[in-house]
Amino acid sequence: MTHSKRDGRTANDRSFRADRRAIEGLPVRLVIALVVGVASLSVMMGMIGDIEGLSATELDAQPQPEVTTPGEQSLDVAVVDPDGSRVADATVIVRSGSAQIDGVATGTTDSDGVATVDVDPELGPNQPDGTLTVEVKPPAEGDYVDERGNTEVLVVAEN
């Protein structure tokens, strides 16, 4: 009788070792746990972003004029928050896009939230139009960011 029990255990041990279902099911369970964890984390991060004290305010640049011609001129760039309020002490940077300027042009917004930037845009030969890009560096005080693209200045050749 002892011999048959040992044979039974040995047969069970062999069948357990040959059973690969537990090993095959483990990666699937890990993937499911990872997907659920990532989904939960994204929901929590979304809730944190909605808390007023932890969120940053996106700034936008509103250049005037938005459409101009090549040659020396001044651009007035207003920096505004999502509510339309102007922001003082922000740095405005104008760079070459498809239209060219020498280096970069910068200005700082005054108490009215407007910066005046002097530019001299040029277009290439047979280039009917081009753009200048506008970037905002937020002031040190306040939770401001400029992560989205801003309005570009369109430079159109005179006919």
Protein backbone atom coordinates (compact mmCIF):
# COMPACT_ATOMS: atom_id res chain seq x y z
CA MET A 1 0.00 0.00 0.00
CA THR A 2 2.84 2.31 0.71
CA HIS A 3 4.18 1.55 -2.71
CA SER A 4 0.94 2.55 -4.46
CA LYS A 5 0.76 5.85 -2.54
CA ARG A 6 4.28 6.68 -3.56
CA ASP A 7 3.47 5.85 -7.16
CA GLY A 8 0.39 8.04 -6.92
CA ARG A 9 2.37 10.97 -5.53
CA THR A 10 5.04 10.52 -8.13
CA ALA A 11 2.44 10.51 -10.87
CA ASN A 12 0.84 13.68 -9.40
CA ASP A 13 4.24 15.36 -9.13
CA ARG A 14 5.02 14.52 -12.72
CA SER A 15 1.66 15.79 -13.97
CA PHE A 16 2.08 19.04 -11.95
CA ARG A 17 5.53 19.63 -13.38
CA ALA A 18 4.22 19.04 -16.89
CA ASP A 19 1.29 21.43 -16.39
CA ARG A 20 2.28 24.73 -18.09
CA ARG A 21 -1.03 26.55 -17.64
CA ALA A 22 0.08 28.35 -14.48
CA ILE A 23 3.17 29.67 -16.21
CA GLU A 24 1.18 30.71 -19.28
CA GLY A 25 -1.45 32.49 -17.19
CA LEU A 26 1.06 34.51 -15.16
CA PRO A 27 2.05 37.01 -17.92
CA VAL A 28 -1.61 37.62 -18.76
CA ARG A 29 -2.36 38.42 -15.13
CA LEU A 30 0.62 40.78 -14.97
CA VAL A 31 -0.50 42.59 -18.11
CA ILE A 32 -4.02 42.99 -16.73
CA ALA A 33 -2.64 44.34 -13.44
CA LEU A 34 -0.40 46.78 -15.34
CA VAL A 35 -3.27 48.07 -17.51
CA VAL A 36 -5.53 48.56 -14.49
CA GLY A 37 -2.70 50.31 -12.61
CA VAL A 38 -1.95 52.68 -15.49
CA ALA A 39 -5.64 53.51 -15.94
CA SER A 40 -5.99 54.24 -12.22
CA LEU A 41 -2.88 56.40 -12.25
CA SER A 42 -4.12 58.45 -15.20
CA VAL A 43 -7.45 59.08 -13.44
CA MET A 44 -5.64 60.20 -10.28
CA MET A 45 -3.29 62.48 -12.22
CA GLY A 46 -6.29 64.03 -13.97
CA MET A 47 -7.89 64.76 -10.62
CA ILE A 48 -4.68 66.32 -9.31
CA GLY A 49 -4.44 68.53 -12.42
CA ASP A 50 -7.94 69.84 -11.74
CA ILE A 51 -7.04 71.06 -8.26
CA GLU A 52 -6.68 74.84 -8.50
CA GLY A 53 -3.58 75.14 -6.32
CA LEU A 54 -1.58 72.55 -8.26
CA SER A 55 -2.44 73.45 -11.82
CA ALA A 56 -0.52 75.85 -14.03
CA THR A 57 -2.12 78.58 -16.14
CA GLU A 58 -1.40 78.49 -19.87
CA LEU A 59 -0.37 81.80 -21.40
CA ASP A 60 -1.01 82.92 -24.96
CA ALA A 61 0.64 85.57 -27.12
CA GLN A 62 -1.45 87.93 -29.23
CA PRO A 63 0.80 89.79 -31.70
CA GLN A 64 -0.36 93.00 -33.41
CA PRO A 65 -0.25 93.13 -36.35
CA GLU A 66 -0.73 89.44 -37.10
CA VAL A 67 -0.01 90.05 -40.81
CA THR A 68 2.85 92.30 -41.89
CA THR A 69 5.33 92.93 -44.71
CA PRO A 70 9.13 92.58 -44.82
CA GLY A 71 11.24 95.42 -43.41
CA GLU A 72 11.98 97.10 -40.09
CA GLN A 73 8.99 97.45 -37.78
CA SER A 74 7.71 96.98 -34.27
CA LEU A 75 5.34 94.28 -33.12
CA ASP A 76 3.17 94.76 -30.04
CA VAL A 77 2.65 91.38 -28.37
CA ALA A 78 0.06 91.07 -25.60
CA VAL A 79 0.47 88.15 -23.20
CA VAL A 80 -2.85 86.90 -21.83
CA ASP A 81 -4.11 84.13 -19.57
CA PRO A 82 -7.15 81.95 -20.42
CA ASP A 83 -9.50 84.54 -18.87
CA GLY A 84 -8.15 87.26 -21.18
CA SER A 85 -6.31 89.09 -18.41
CA ARG A 86 -2.97 90.50 -19.47
CA VAL A 87 0.19 89.35 -17.70
CA ALA A 88 3.03 91.74 -16.78
CA ASP A 89 6.76 90.85 -16.61
CA ALA A 90 6.59 88.03 -19.16
CA THR A 91 9.38 87.77 -21.74
CA VAL A 92 8.31 87.59 -25.38
CA ILE A 93 10.70 85.94 -27.86
CA VAL A 94 10.24 86.26 -31.62
CA ARG A 95 12.24 83.83 -33.79
CA SER A 96 12.58 83.05 -37.46
CA GLY A 97 10.03 80.66 -38.85
CA SER A 98 9.78 80.38 -42.60
CA ALA A 99 10.50 84.14 -42.71
CA GLN A 100 13.97 85.14 -41.47
CA ILE A 101 15.17 87.65 -38.89
CA ASP A 102 18.70 88.16 -37.59
CA GLY A 103 18.97 86.20 -34.34
CA VAL A 104 16.05 86.54 -31.97
CA ALA A 105 14.06 89.58 -30.90
CA THR A 106 12.92 89.89 -27.29
CA GLY A 107 10.84 92.19 -25.14
CA THR A 108 9.30 92.21 -21.67
CA THR A 109 5.64 92.94 -21.05
CA ASP A 110 4.86 96.17 -19.21
CA SER A 111 2.19 96.69 -16.55
CA ASP A 112 -0.44 96.56 -19.34
CA GLY A 113 0.83 93.10 -20.41
CA VAL A 114 2.20 94.31 -23.77
CA ALA A 115 5.76 93.94 -25.06
CA THR A 116 7.12 95.87 -28.04
CA VAL A 117 9.54 93.85 -30.15
CA ASP A 118 11.56 95.33 -33.04
CA VAL A 119 11.96 92.98 -36.00
CA ASP A 120 13.24 93.16 -39.57
CA PRO A 121 11.71 90.14 -41.32
CA GLU A 122 13.00 89.03 -44.71
CA LEU A 123 11.62 86.58 -47.23
CA GLY A 124 13.74 84.43 -49.52
CA PRO A 125 13.78 84.82 -53.31
CA ASN A 126 10.48 83.77 -54.89
CA GLN A 127 8.98 83.31 -51.40
CA PRO A 128 5.53 84.96 -51.32
CA ASP A 129 5.05 84.63 -47.55
CA GLY A 130 6.53 83.27 -44.33
CA THR A 131 6.02 83.23 -40.59
CA LEU A 132 7.72 84.40 -37.42
CA THR A 133 7.20 82.30 -34.30
CA VAL A 134 6.31 83.85 -30.95
CA GLU A 135 7.23 82.26 -27.62
CA VAL A 136 6.46 83.41 -24.08
CA LYS A 137 8.67 82.89 -21.04
CA PRO A 138 6.31 83.33 -18.07
CA PRO A 139 7.15 85.67 -15.19
CA ALA A 140 8.85 84.16 -12.15
CA GLU A 141 5.88 84.86 -9.86
CA GLY A 142 2.72 82.94 -10.55
CA ASP A 143 2.05 79.45 -11.89
CA TYR A 144 2.22 80.22 -15.59
CA VAL A 145 3.37 78.03 -18.46
CA ASP A 146 3.55 78.38 -22.24
CA GLU A 147 3.35 74.83 -23.54
CA ARG A 148 0.96 75.23 -26.48
CA GLY A 149 1.80 76.96 -29.71
CA ASN A 150 1.14 80.68 -29.99
CA THR A 151 -0.18 82.78 -32.87
CA GLU A 152 2.50 83.23 -35.52
CA VAL A 153 3.11 86.49 -37.37
CA LEU A 154 2.48 86.14 -41.10
CA VAL A 155 4.94 88.04 -43.30
CA VAL A 156 3.60 88.68 -46.82
CA ALA A 157 5.68 90.04 -49.71
CA GLU A 158 4.55 93.32 -51.19
CA ASN A 159 3.53 93.10 -54.85
